[in-house]
Each structure stands twice: as C-alpha cells, then as structure tokens.
C-alpha cells in the first residue's frame, strides 16, 4: 500500500487522489516536527506573557476586540468548533473528506499555525484508519476559509459529532475508541488553526480538476469516433492550421486527434464528400484546446493552494511575529473553479451537438436515431434528450459563484469568495459532462456499426472494442440506462484511456 509523506511543500494532485480514492496512507514527514514544535512553543509563550493576539487570547470575527482570560482559552477553542458546526445538506463524499483532511494536515505541517504535532497525528491516524467525519456540503462562504464544514471535521477529532467507520455511521468517540485513539482537547489557537483555511473548497475543486483532465482525454477519444462515424474532413487537423494560430491547447488537441485517428479509413478529404463540416466537428481542436488551456490554468492554482499556508493569524516564530492576514480568503480558487466549470460545460455543450448530428437523419447519412427499425424502435432518441438536459443544467451551474458576496460577522467580513460553491458547481458540471461524453461514445459506436468498424483509427478502434466488450450493439430497443452507466464506469476507471495511450502515446 502506497504511503504519502506530508511535508507542506511537495504534495501533488496524484498523491491527493491516491489518498482520497486508492487507500494510500499518510505519514507526517519527520523533517517538519521541529518547525511545528517551534511554532507551538511560541504560541504558548504568547499566552504565558498575556499578549493580546487575535484568535489566541481574543474572540473571533466581530468579537476580536474581546480579550479572553487564561482560564477560558481552552473553552474558547472548543466553543469555536461547536458554534461553527452549522453545515447543512448532504454529506460530502468520502473521497472529498479524505482529501480535505490531507490538505489541512499539509497546510499545518508548514509550522506557521501553532498547532501541536499530536493533533496533526490524530488527523493522520483518522485518514489511515478511514474514520470519515460526516461533513455537510453547504454552509461555507469560502472565507474566512471553510469555517462550517471544517468545524464538522474537527468535531470528530474532539470525539463529538458523527463519522463513518467501516461502513457504519456512529458517534465519533466510538470510532476513535475502536481504533485505539483518543479524542483531543483543543488548546490555544488550535481550533482556529484547524478551521481557518480553504481546504474543503480546494479538495472539492482539486478532485474536479483531476477528473476534468481525464475527461478531456476521453472527450478527444469519443469525439474522434464521432468524426469517423460522420465521415469528417480530416484536413482540419493539419498541423499547419494550428501552428498558424499558435494557441497551445489547440495545438495539443490537434496532435491528440492525429494520433487517435492514425490509420483511419473512415475520414474523408476536403471536397471528397463535402467541402467542410459543422463547427462541432470542424472546430474540435479549437473547442477542446481552449478547455485544455483553462484546465491547465486551474491545475496550476490547485498545485499552489494544496501547498499553501491559509491560516490566520500566521505565526513567524523566527521573527518573533504574529501577523493577522487574509490567506484564508478563497478568491484565487473561486475564480479558478468558476473557470473550470465553464470550461467543462463547453466540452459537454459541443458533445451534445455531435450527438444530435449522429441521431438526426437530416444532419447525417445514418439511420434515424441510429436504429434500423425506426417506428417500433426509438433507438437512441432519448439519449439525446438526456444529454440535452445535462448540458442545460450545466449552463445554470456555470453561472459564476465568485461574482457574489454577502457580508458576514457583523460586516467585519464584508467581502467573501463563495469559493466553496464555485468548487461544488464545478464538481457537478464535470459529473454531468462525463455522462454526456459517455452518451456520445455510445452513439458514435452505434454509428460506426452501420459502416465498417474495422476501418477505425488506431485509438478509436481500441475505444470501440473496449466499449463493445461491455455494451452490445443496439438492435431492438432495450433498457438503456445501464449502457450509460457502464460507459461512465469505464471512463471513471480509466481503462479505455490507458489502452489508447499505450497504443498512441500519452494524450495531452
């Protein structure tokens, strides 16, 4: 079993996915211990010296002007968590919760937050034992960090609240006991250190970004098969065209299509059957390339945020300084995740238009709704309806969350990011887009079946064979939702992408 060493500087998206989805365990790098202890010692010295420091010896938000007595410091931190655990809605999926805990540890091991190593070790133990705090998905403004959802996470560390353990919902204290672990009593600064950060929104958006990267590859594969089913004009992939524009993502997309379609006998030359195709075929490199550029921009932001200190205040023990700051503000990620949602909505939009061309006999030479026996059979008619519903929903979800702000905490926090909403929307858009791409893949394979599948390109033939080994050709009507779910599961598993990349080289 893979073990991920956490040092606050070098965490990668692949490692986050390994912990969140593939049972990898975590280890706090011993090299971080001294810095964590130094920061903790400094906090304890501030308390001992009765310094007035935000969140350590004062209240929070609008209450920052109220000084807390020494005998109330522990109560202050516990009350912070209990009062802030106000989330509502469905619980976040297990992979998002595990990613959240991992990212929060990675931020805190930087030694700028004043938290004890033992607290961080308990979080790591929870990850390794798969004690999953139940965190409602709604209630965060994305600054001051993800206060409400992270408070639900911390309740589990305190032995309060609820969690999932070995498939059962239980009180957190029981799960800790079953694993031989003890709940923590929060000390000065620790409650604030645990919740004042962007780790929920970053975890949601990071996993959405990872899935988007994989889905962009699958979109290239499925649309290439559609291109063949509709006898597309392959001149549009000529490298000279894309070099002339000099857009990086566009050039990468065109290169992908050339490799996936290598050897295809189903494409046509310009003027052979038609002069040019519709935009959803002719402009595939331009459309997909723009989304590739957008997702790569988001990936850069994710990589930075995963290794960032997003606490307030930050402890600089070497400089004998505590700085109240705004690193908890989710604006950098809110904008990025809004962009991610828009980019992936566009991938689904263009896919749905190709699905329409595949099923509509007015737009292709294929049988109506991809069935030989139309009338008694509806074929793929309602597949297009489903795709249309998903892309319409995505258009609503793609409205930016980051343009909104509602003041909170008595107007002390007068501009917030809504970054967690942006991340959640992007995550949902990617899920919807995945289903649309799966439907296009099914339709494209059915379209190819009316011609000559043996003439497909190198990559599309692999994709066709992979699908047909799991989903059969549609002759007479059958219940079709299992076909969609099987195609979706193949995309999530990544099997078809791995096979195509083994044959054609890594897709960009």
Protein backbone atom coordinates (compact mmCIF):
# COMPACT_ATOMS: atom_id res chain seq x y z
CA UNK A 1 0.00 0.00 0.00
CA UNK A 2 1.36 3.39 -1.02
CA UNK A 3 2.35 5.81 1.74
CA UNK A 4 2.35 9.57 1.14
CA UNK A 5 4.85 11.63 3.14
CA UNK A 6 3.50 15.07 4.02
CA UNK A 7 5.92 17.99 4.32
CA UNK A 8 3.79 21.04 3.45
CA UNK A 9 5.64 21.79 0.24
CA UNK A 10 5.55 18.95 -2.28
CA UNK A 11 2.06 17.43 -2.28
CA UNK A 12 0.83 16.58 -5.79
CA UNK A 13 -2.65 16.09 -7.19
CA UNK A 14 -1.88 12.44 -7.96
CA UNK A 15 -0.96 11.92 -4.30
CA UNK A 16 -4.21 13.54 -3.16
CA UNK A 17 -6.13 11.17 -5.42
CA UNK A 18 -4.12 8.21 -4.10
CA UNK A 19 -5.17 9.02 -0.52
CA UNK A 20 -8.73 10.03 -1.37
CA UNK A 21 -9.60 7.18 -3.71
CA UNK A 22 -6.96 4.45 -3.64
CA UNK A 23 -6.35 3.64 0.03
CA UNK A 24 -2.90 5.27 0.28
CA UNK A 25 -1.84 6.06 3.85
CA UNK A 26 -0.14 9.22 5.12
CA UNK A 27 2.96 9.94 7.19
CA UNK A 28 3.90 13.33 8.58
CA UNK A 29 7.48 13.92 7.45
CA UNK A 30 9.78 13.92 10.49
CA UNK A 31 11.60 16.90 8.97
CA UNK A 32 8.57 19.04 9.83
CA UNK A 33 8.46 18.19 13.54
CA UNK A 34 10.92 20.83 14.74
CA UNK A 35 9.14 23.66 12.95
CA UNK A 36 5.75 22.55 14.25
CA UNK A 37 7.11 22.44 17.81
CA UNK A 38 8.83 25.80 17.48
CA UNK A 39 5.57 27.41 16.36
CA UNK A 40 3.67 25.74 19.20
CA UNK A 41 6.21 26.90 21.78
CA UNK A 42 5.81 30.43 20.51
CA UNK A 43 2.02 30.32 20.91
CA UNK A 44 2.36 29.05 24.46
CA UNK A 45 4.80 31.86 25.21
CA UNK A 46 2.30 34.42 23.90
CA UNK A 47 -0.34 33.01 26.23
CA UNK A 48 2.07 32.95 29.16
CA UNK A 49 3.07 36.56 28.51
CA UNK A 50 -0.61 37.56 28.26
CA UNK A 51 -0.15 39.10 24.81
CA UNK A 52 -3.30 40.23 23.05
CA UNK A 53 -3.29 38.23 19.80
CA UNK A 54 -6.28 37.57 17.54
CA UNK A 55 -7.77 34.12 17.96
CA UNK A 56 -5.34 33.15 20.71
CA UNK A 57 -6.34 35.49 23.52
CA UNK A 58 -9.28 37.22 21.80
CA UNK A 59 -12.65 36.26 20.38
CA UNK A 60 -13.29 35.78 16.67
CA UNK A 61 -14.62 37.91 13.84
CA UNK A 62 -16.64 40.80 15.26
CA UNK A 63 -15.62 39.61 18.77
CA UNK A 64 -11.93 40.15 18.06
CA UNK A 65 -11.95 43.16 20.42
CA UNK A 66 -12.85 40.97 23.41
CA UNK A 67 -9.88 39.68 25.39
CA UNK A 68 -10.22 36.14 26.77
CA UNK A 69 -8.92 35.25 30.25
CA UNK A 70 -6.36 32.47 30.71
CA UNK A 71 -8.88 30.09 32.27
CA UNK A 72 -11.21 30.40 29.23
CA UNK A 73 -8.68 29.74 26.46
CA UNK A 74 -9.48 26.04 26.04
CA UNK A 75 -13.22 26.74 26.27
CA UNK A 76 -12.78 29.44 23.59
CA UNK A 77 -11.35 26.92 21.13
CA UNK A 78 -13.94 24.21 21.85
CA UNK A 79 -16.80 26.71 21.65
CA UNK A 80 -15.45 27.92 18.32
CA UNK A 81 -15.82 24.46 16.82
CA UNK A 82 -19.20 23.69 18.35
CA UNK A 83 -20.73 27.04 17.38
CA UNK A 84 -19.32 26.96 13.86
CA UNK A 85 -20.51 23.41 13.01
CA UNK A 86 -23.61 24.73 11.24
CA UNK A 87 -23.39 22.90 7.91
CA UNK A 88 -26.49 21.65 6.12
CA UNK A 89 -27.31 19.43 3.17
CA UNK A 90 -25.99 16.09 2.03
CA UNK A 91 -22.71 14.87 3.44
CA UNK A 92 -19.60 15.30 1.32
CA UNK A 93 -18.43 12.07 -0.37
CA UNK A 94 -15.72 10.07 1.38
CA UNK A 95 -13.02 10.94 -1.16
CA UNK A 96 -13.58 14.68 -0.66
CA UNK A 97 -13.42 14.34 3.13
CA UNK A 98 -10.18 12.35 2.97
CA UNK A 99 -8.71 14.91 0.57
CA UNK A 100 -9.81 17.72 2.89
CA UNK A 101 -8.09 16.16 5.91
CA UNK A 102 -4.94 15.51 3.91
CA UNK A 103 -4.80 19.10 2.63
CA UNK A 104 -5.40 20.53 6.10
CA UNK A 105 -2.53 18.50 7.54
CA UNK A 106 -0.30 19.60 4.68
CA UNK A 107 -1.05 23.26 5.39
CA UNK A 108 -0.48 22.93 9.13
CA UNK A 109 2.82 20.99 8.97
CA UNK A 110 4.39 24.11 7.48
CA UNK A 111 4.85 25.27 11.08
CA UNK A 112 3.08 28.61 10.69
CA UNK A 113 -0.05 27.82 12.67
CA UNK A 114 0.99 27.00 16.24
CA UNK A 115 -0.79 23.65 16.45
CA UNK A 116 0.56 20.63 18.33
CA UNK A 117 2.04 17.72 16.40
CA UNK A 118 -0.20 15.34 18.35
CA UNK A 119 -3.30 16.96 16.85
CA UNK A 120 -1.95 16.56 13.34
CA UNK A 121 -1.02 12.97 14.08
CA UNK A 122 -4.59 12.23 15.14
CA UNK A 123 -5.81 13.59 11.81
CA UNK A 124 -3.33 11.36 10.01
CA UNK A 125 -4.49 8.38 12.08
CA UNK A 126 -8.09 9.11 11.12
CA UNK A 127 -7.13 9.07 7.46
CA UNK A 128 -5.20 5.83 7.83
CA UNK A 129 -8.00 4.13 9.78
CA UNK A 130 -10.61 5.57 7.40
CA UNK A 131 -12.55 7.37 10.12
CA UNK A 132 -14.57 9.71 7.90
CA UNK A 133 -16.15 12.75 9.60
CA UNK A 134 -19.65 13.49 8.34
CA UNK A 135 -19.37 16.95 6.79
CA UNK A 136 -22.47 18.65 5.33
CA UNK A 137 -21.75 20.08 1.89
CA UNK A 138 -23.35 23.51 2.38
CA UNK A 139 -22.63 26.41 4.72
CA UNK A 140 -19.24 27.82 3.68
CA UNK A 141 -18.68 31.30 2.28
CA UNK A 142 -15.14 30.46 1.20
CA UNK A 143 -13.72 32.99 3.69
CA UNK A 144 -12.76 33.09 6.47
CA UNK A 145 -11.93 29.77 4.95
CA UNK A 146 -14.32 26.82 5.10
CA UNK A 147 -15.37 27.50 8.69
CA UNK A 148 -18.58 25.46 8.93
CA UNK A 149 -17.53 22.28 7.10
CA UNK A 150 -14.07 22.18 8.70
CA UNK A 151 -15.72 22.52 12.11
CA UNK A 152 -17.63 19.31 11.43
CA UNK A 153 -14.28 17.67 10.65
CA UNK A 154 -12.81 18.88 13.94
CA UNK A 155 -15.80 17.62 15.93
CA UNK A 156 -14.64 14.10 15.09
CA UNK A 157 -11.15 14.86 16.43
CA UNK A 158 -12.82 16.03 19.65
CA UNK A 159 -14.84 12.81 19.88
CA UNK A 160 -18.02 14.73 19.10
CA UNK A 161 -20.24 14.81 16.06
CA UNK A 162 -20.68 11.84 13.75
CA UNK A 163 -18.50 9.89 11.35
CA UNK A 164 -18.49 6.84 9.13
CA UNK A 165 -16.29 3.90 10.11
CA UNK A 166 -16.24 0.53 8.36
CA UNK A 167 -19.44 1.41 6.55
CA UNK A 168 -21.35 2.37 9.69
CA UNK A 169 -22.49 5.76 10.92
CA UNK A 170 -21.51 6.31 14.55
CA UNK A 171 -20.61 8.86 17.19
CA UNK A 172 -17.01 9.91 16.59
CA UNK A 173 -15.85 8.98 20.07
CA UNK A 174 -16.84 5.36 19.45
CA UNK A 175 -14.92 5.18 16.16
CA UNK A 176 -11.81 6.63 17.80
CA UNK A 177 -12.09 4.11 20.64
CA UNK A 178 -12.44 1.18 18.23
CA UNK A 179 -9.16 2.27 16.61
CA UNK A 180 -7.34 2.75 19.90
CA UNK A 181 -7.30 6.52 19.50
CA UNK A 182 -8.17 9.25 22.00
CA UNK A 183 -10.01 12.50 21.25
CA UNK A 184 -8.18 15.79 21.65
CA UNK A 185 -8.78 18.72 23.99
CA UNK A 186 -8.10 21.80 21.92
CA UNK A 187 -5.59 24.24 23.33
CA UNK A 188 -4.78 27.86 22.47
CA UNK A 189 -5.07 28.70 18.76
CA UNK A 190 -5.76 25.08 17.72
CA UNK A 191 -9.45 25.33 16.92
CA UNK A 192 -8.85 28.37 14.77
CA UNK A 193 -5.83 26.74 13.12
CA UNK A 194 -7.92 23.73 12.14
CA UNK A 195 -10.84 25.57 10.51
CA UNK A 196 -9.45 28.83 9.15
CA UNK A 197 -8.43 27.64 5.69
CA UNK A 198 -9.57 26.79 2.17
CA UNK A 199 -9.14 23.03 2.32
CA UNK A 200 -12.74 21.95 1.70
CA UNK A 201 -13.15 24.08 -1.39
CA UNK A 202 -9.66 23.11 -2.57
CA UNK A 203 -10.34 19.40 -2.03
CA UNK A 204 -13.59 19.53 -3.99
CA UNK A 205 -12.05 21.59 -6.79
CA UNK A 206 -8.84 19.55 -6.90
CA UNK A 207 -10.73 16.30 -7.42
CA UNK A 208 -12.93 18.01 -10.01
CA UNK A 209 -9.78 19.25 -11.77
CA UNK A 210 -8.27 15.75 -11.77
CA UNK A 211 -11.47 14.30 -13.21
CA UNK A 212 -11.63 17.09 -15.80
CA UNK A 213 -8.11 16.29 -17.03
CA UNK A 214 -9.09 12.66 -17.56
CA UNK A 215 -12.42 13.59 -19.13
CA UNK A 216 -10.76 15.91 -21.64
CA UNK A 217 -8.77 12.91 -22.89
CA UNK A 218 -11.93 10.84 -23.16
CA UNK A 219 -13.69 13.70 -24.95
CA UNK A 220 -10.94 13.65 -27.57
CA UNK A 221 -11.39 9.89 -27.99
CA UNK A 222 -15.20 9.87 -28.17
CA UNK A 223 -15.39 12.87 -30.50
CA UNK A 224 -12.76 11.31 -32.78
CA UNK A 225 -15.03 8.28 -33.13
CA UNK A 226 -17.97 10.58 -33.91
CA UNK A 227 -15.76 12.27 -36.51
CA UNK A 228 -15.34 8.91 -38.23
CA UNK A 229 -18.99 7.89 -37.91
CA UNK A 230 -19.93 11.15 -39.68
CA UNK A 231 -17.12 10.84 -42.26
CA UNK A 232 -15.44 14.03 -41.15
CA UNK A 233 -13.00 16.02 -43.31
CA UNK A 234 -9.60 15.28 -41.73
CA UNK A 235 -7.78 18.27 -43.31
CA UNK A 236 -8.84 20.29 -40.25
CA UNK A 237 -6.23 18.50 -38.13
CA UNK A 238 -3.32 19.57 -40.34
CA UNK A 239 -0.59 20.93 -38.00
CA UNK A 240 -0.06 23.97 -40.26
CA UNK A 241 -3.53 25.22 -39.39
CA UNK A 242 -2.88 25.14 -35.65
CA UNK A 243 0.66 26.46 -35.78
CA UNK A 244 -0.78 29.42 -37.68
CA UNK A 245 -2.95 30.30 -34.71
CA UNK A 246 -0.34 29.49 -32.02
CA UNK A 247 -2.81 28.59 -29.26
CA UNK A 248 -1.14 25.97 -27.08
CA UNK A 249 -4.16 23.89 -26.13
CA UNK A 250 -5.45 23.90 -29.70
CA UNK A 251 -2.15 22.52 -30.98
CA UNK A 252 -2.14 19.82 -28.30
CA UNK A 253 -5.71 18.83 -29.16
CA UNK A 254 -4.97 18.60 -32.87
CA UNK A 255 -1.97 16.41 -32.13
CA UNK A 256 -4.16 14.15 -29.99
CA UNK A 257 -6.67 13.74 -32.80
CA UNK A 258 -3.95 12.89 -35.32
CA UNK A 259 -2.62 10.14 -33.04
CA UNK A 260 -6.02 8.75 -32.07
CA UNK A 261 -7.19 8.69 -35.71
CA UNK A 262 -3.95 7.37 -37.20
CA UNK A 263 -4.68 4.82 -39.92
CA UNK A 264 -8.41 5.56 -40.12
CA UNK A 265 -10.10 4.81 -43.43
CA UNK A 266 -13.39 6.39 -42.39
CA UNK A 267 -12.41 10.05 -42.70
CA UNK A 268 -12.64 11.98 -45.95
CA UNK A 269 -10.57 14.53 -47.81
CA UNK A 270 -11.70 18.09 -48.32
CA UNK A 271 -14.13 18.09 -51.29
CA UNK A 272 -14.35 14.29 -51.49
CA UNK A 273 -17.85 14.00 -49.99
CA UNK A 274 -18.26 17.55 -48.71
CA UNK A 275 -16.26 20.73 -48.53
CA UNK A 276 -16.41 21.26 -44.78
CA UNK A 277 -18.09 20.02 -41.61
CA UNK A 278 -20.21 21.72 -38.99
CA UNK A 279 -18.41 23.60 -36.24
CA UNK A 280 -18.78 20.83 -33.64
CA UNK A 281 -16.59 18.66 -35.89
CA UNK A 282 -14.50 21.17 -37.83
CA UNK A 283 -13.56 23.16 -34.73
CA UNK A 284 -12.80 20.25 -32.40
CA UNK A 285 -9.16 21.30 -31.79
CA UNK A 286 -10.21 24.88 -31.12
CA UNK A 287 -13.05 23.97 -28.72
CA UNK A 288 -11.23 21.21 -26.84
CA UNK A 289 -7.96 23.12 -26.87
CA UNK A 290 -9.49 26.14 -25.17
CA UNK A 291 -10.79 23.94 -22.35
CA UNK A 292 -7.39 22.24 -22.05
CA UNK A 293 -5.77 25.64 -21.56
CA UNK A 294 -8.40 26.57 -18.96
CA UNK A 295 -7.98 23.34 -17.01
CA UNK A 296 -4.20 23.67 -17.03
CA UNK A 297 -4.58 27.15 -15.57
CA UNK A 298 -6.79 25.73 -12.81
CA UNK A 299 -4.31 22.90 -12.19
CA UNK A 300 -1.55 25.47 -11.56
CA UNK A 301 -3.75 27.23 -8.99
CA UNK A 302 -4.63 23.91 -7.34
CA UNK A 303 -0.99 22.87 -7.07
CA UNK A 304 -0.13 26.15 -5.36
CA UNK A 305 -3.11 26.12 -2.98
CA UNK A 306 -2.54 22.50 -1.92
CA UNK A 307 0.86 23.51 -0.55
CA UNK A 308 -0.11 26.89 0.87
CA UNK A 309 -0.49 28.27 4.40
CA UNK A 310 -4.08 29.55 4.59
CA UNK A 311 -4.32 30.16 8.34
CA UNK A 312 -4.96 33.38 10.24
CA UNK A 313 -3.07 34.62 12.12
CA UNK A 314 0.21 33.21 10.83
CA UNK A 315 3.00 32.50 13.30
CA UNK A 316 6.53 33.54 12.31
CA UNK A 317 8.41 32.34 15.37
CA UNK A 318 11.87 33.09 13.95
CA UNK A 319 10.86 36.73 13.54
CA UNK A 320 9.01 36.90 16.88
CA UNK A 321 5.92 37.97 14.95
CA UNK A 322 2.25 37.06 14.60
CA UNK A 323 0.53 38.55 11.54
CA UNK A 324 -3.24 38.76 11.18
CA UNK A 325 -3.81 38.36 7.47
CA UNK A 326 -6.25 37.16 4.82
CA UNK A 327 -4.73 33.97 3.40
CA UNK A 328 -7.98 32.19 4.23
CA UNK A 329 -9.77 34.18 1.51
CA UNK A 330 -10.83 31.79 -1.25
CA UNK A 331 -10.88 34.30 -4.09
CA UNK A 332 -7.92 32.84 -6.04
CA UNK A 333 -9.62 29.44 -6.09
CA UNK A 334 -13.15 30.77 -6.52
CA UNK A 335 -12.25 32.38 -9.83
CA UNK A 336 -10.31 29.30 -10.92
CA UNK A 337 -13.13 26.88 -10.12
CA UNK A 338 -15.71 29.06 -11.84
CA UNK A 339 -13.42 28.91 -14.88
CA UNK A 340 -13.15 25.13 -14.55
CA UNK A 341 -16.93 24.78 -14.55
CA UNK A 342 -17.31 26.97 -17.63
CA UNK A 343 -14.56 25.08 -19.49
CA UNK A 344 -16.10 21.68 -18.83
CA UNK A 345 -19.64 22.87 -19.56
CA UNK A 346 -18.39 23.80 -23.03
CA UNK A 347 -16.96 20.33 -23.57
CA UNK A 348 -20.39 18.88 -22.83
CA UNK A 349 -22.13 21.51 -24.98
CA UNK A 350 -20.16 20.60 -28.09
CA UNK A 351 -20.55 16.88 -27.36
CA UNK A 352 -24.33 17.18 -27.23
CA UNK A 353 -24.32 18.91 -30.62
CA UNK A 354 -22.39 15.98 -32.11
CA UNK A 355 -24.86 13.55 -30.51
CA UNK A 356 -27.64 15.44 -32.29
CA UNK A 357 -25.82 15.08 -35.60
CA UNK A 358 -25.44 11.34 -35.02
CA UNK A 359 -29.13 10.72 -34.28
CA UNK A 360 -30.72 13.25 -36.66
CA UNK A 361 -31.06 11.86 -40.23
CA UNK A 362 -31.34 15.41 -41.57
CA UNK A 363 -27.75 16.01 -40.45
CA UNK A 364 -26.09 12.74 -41.43
CA UNK A 365 -26.34 9.70 -43.69
CA UNK A 366 -27.05 7.46 -40.69
CA UNK A 367 -30.44 5.86 -39.91
CA UNK A 368 -32.79 8.00 -37.85
CA UNK A 369 -31.93 7.73 -34.15
CA UNK A 370 -29.36 5.07 -35.01
CA UNK A 371 -31.85 2.22 -35.38
CA UNK A 372 -32.59 0.09 -38.43
CA UNK A 373 -36.19 -0.42 -37.43
CA UNK A 374 -37.49 3.04 -36.62
CA UNK A 375 -41.09 3.36 -35.53
CA UNK A 376 -41.43 0.22 -33.48
CA UNK A 377 -38.00 1.15 -32.07
CA UNK A 378 -36.93 4.59 -30.77
CA UNK A 379 -33.24 3.75 -30.80
CA UNK A 380 -31.05 6.49 -29.36
CA UNK A 381 -33.75 9.18 -29.48
CA UNK A 382 -33.93 9.77 -25.72
CA UNK A 383 -30.17 9.50 -25.28
CA UNK A 384 -30.04 12.92 -26.91
CA UNK A 385 -32.78 14.18 -24.57
CA UNK A 386 -30.72 13.14 -21.57
CA UNK A 387 -27.61 14.82 -22.95
CA UNK A 388 -29.62 17.98 -23.65
CA UNK A 389 -30.96 18.00 -20.09
CA UNK A 390 -27.47 17.64 -18.65
CA UNK A 391 -25.94 20.43 -20.72
CA UNK A 392 -28.87 22.70 -19.92
CA UNK A 393 -28.32 22.06 -16.21
CA UNK A 394 -24.62 22.79 -16.69
CA UNK A 395 -25.46 26.16 -18.20
CA UNK A 396 -27.25 27.10 -14.99
CA UNK A 397 -24.42 25.73 -12.84
CA UNK A 398 -21.79 27.60 -14.89
CA UNK A 399 -23.01 30.98 -13.63
CA UNK A 400 -20.04 32.26 -11.61
CA UNK A 401 -20.30 32.00 -7.83
CA UNK A 402 -17.32 34.32 -7.34
CA UNK A 403 -19.21 37.41 -8.52
CA UNK A 404 -21.42 37.21 -5.43
CA UNK A 405 -20.63 38.31 -1.88
CA UNK A 406 -22.80 38.67 1.24
CA UNK A 407 -21.18 40.37 4.26
CA UNK A 408 -20.92 38.30 7.44
CA UNK A 409 -19.81 38.59 11.09
CA UNK A 410 -21.39 41.96 11.66
CA UNK A 411 -19.86 43.30 8.41
CA UNK A 412 -16.34 42.61 9.68
CA UNK A 413 -16.07 40.09 6.88
CA UNK A 414 -17.56 42.34 4.24
CA UNK A 415 -16.33 40.53 1.11
CA UNK A 416 -16.35 36.74 0.81
CA UNK A 417 -15.38 34.50 -2.10
CA UNK A 418 -18.17 31.91 -2.35
CA UNK A 419 -15.32 29.66 -3.49
CA UNK A 420 -16.82 26.51 -1.98
CA UNK A 421 -19.95 27.00 -4.06
CA UNK A 422 -17.76 27.51 -7.14
CA UNK A 423 -15.92 24.27 -6.39
CA UNK A 424 -19.11 22.31 -5.77
CA UNK A 425 -20.62 23.59 -9.02
CA UNK A 426 -17.51 22.67 -11.00
CA UNK A 427 -17.55 19.20 -9.45
CA UNK A 428 -21.18 18.72 -10.50
CA UNK A 429 -20.55 20.07 -14.01
CA UNK A 430 -17.73 17.57 -14.51
CA UNK A 431 -20.03 14.72 -13.40
CA UNK A 432 -22.71 15.85 -15.85
CA UNK A 433 -20.17 16.28 -18.64
CA UNK A 434 -18.89 12.75 -18.02
CA UNK A 435 -22.37 11.37 -18.68
CA UNK A 436 -22.68 13.41 -21.87
CA UNK A 437 -19.33 12.14 -23.15
CA UNK A 438 -20.42 8.57 -22.30
CA UNK A 439 -23.59 9.07 -24.34
CA UNK A 440 -21.58 10.40 -27.29
CA UNK A 441 -19.29 7.37 -27.07
CA UNK A 442 -22.31 5.02 -27.18
CA UNK A 443 -23.87 6.90 -30.10
CA UNK A 444 -20.60 7.08 -32.03
CA UNK A 445 -20.02 3.33 -31.66
CA UNK A 446 -23.56 2.64 -32.87
CA UNK A 447 -22.98 4.97 -35.81
CA UNK A 448 -19.76 3.20 -36.72
CA UNK A 449 -21.62 -0.13 -36.62
CA UNK A 450 -23.63 1.00 -39.64
CA UNK A 451 -20.35 1.22 -41.57
CA UNK A 452 -17.06 -0.57 -41.12
CA UNK A 453 -15.65 -0.68 -37.56
CA UNK A 454 -12.56 -2.47 -38.86
CA UNK A 455 -11.60 0.77 -40.65
CA UNK A 456 -11.38 2.85 -37.49
CA UNK A 457 -8.18 4.63 -36.47
CA UNK A 458 -5.64 3.18 -34.07
CA UNK A 459 -7.06 4.84 -30.96
CA UNK A 460 -10.75 4.82 -31.87
CA UNK A 461 -10.64 1.10 -32.71
CA UNK A 462 -9.36 0.42 -29.18
CA UNK A 463 -12.12 2.60 -27.71
CA UNK A 464 -14.73 0.87 -29.87
CA UNK A 465 -13.55 -2.62 -28.90
CA UNK A 466 -13.42 -1.69 -25.20
CA UNK A 467 -16.98 -0.41 -25.30
CA UNK A 468 -18.31 -3.33 -27.34
CA UNK A 469 -16.79 -5.83 -24.90
CA UNK A 470 -19.03 -4.24 -22.25
CA UNK A 471 -22.04 -2.85 -24.13
CA UNK A 472 -23.52 -4.64 -27.13
CA UNK A 473 -24.80 -3.15 -30.37
CA UNK A 474 -28.40 -1.94 -30.10
CA UNK A 475 -30.61 -3.90 -32.48
CA UNK A 476 -34.05 -3.78 -30.88
CA UNK A 477 -34.90 -1.34 -28.10
CA UNK A 478 -33.81 -2.26 -24.58
CA UNK A 479 -33.49 -0.51 -21.23
CA UNK A 480 -30.58 1.83 -21.90
CA UNK A 481 -29.63 3.46 -18.61
CA UNK A 482 -27.35 0.50 -17.72
CA UNK A 483 -25.48 1.13 -21.00
CA UNK A 484 -24.86 4.74 -19.98
CA UNK A 485 -23.71 3.75 -16.51
CA UNK A 486 -21.37 1.09 -17.90
CA UNK A 487 -19.80 3.61 -20.26
CA UNK A 488 -19.46 6.08 -17.39
CA UNK A 489 -17.80 3.45 -15.20
CA UNK A 490 -15.30 2.68 -17.97
CA UNK A 491 -14.44 6.39 -18.16
CA UNK A 492 -14.07 6.68 -14.37
CA UNK A 493 -11.93 3.55 -14.23
CA UNK A 494 -9.70 5.00 -16.94
CA UNK A 495 -9.35 1.67 -18.73
CA UNK A 496 -10.08 2.99 -22.21
CA UNK A 497 -7.75 5.98 -21.77
CA UNK A 498 -4.91 3.72 -20.60
CA UNK A 499 -5.36 1.40 -23.56
CA UNK A 500 -5.46 4.25 -26.07
CA UNK A 501 -2.40 5.91 -24.53
CA UNK A 502 -0.50 2.62 -24.57
CA UNK A 503 -1.08 2.43 -28.32
CA UNK A 504 -0.99 6.11 -29.32
CA UNK A 505 1.21 7.77 -26.68
CA UNK A 506 0.23 10.00 -23.79
CA UNK A 507 -2.66 12.32 -24.61
CA UNK A 508 -2.29 15.97 -23.64
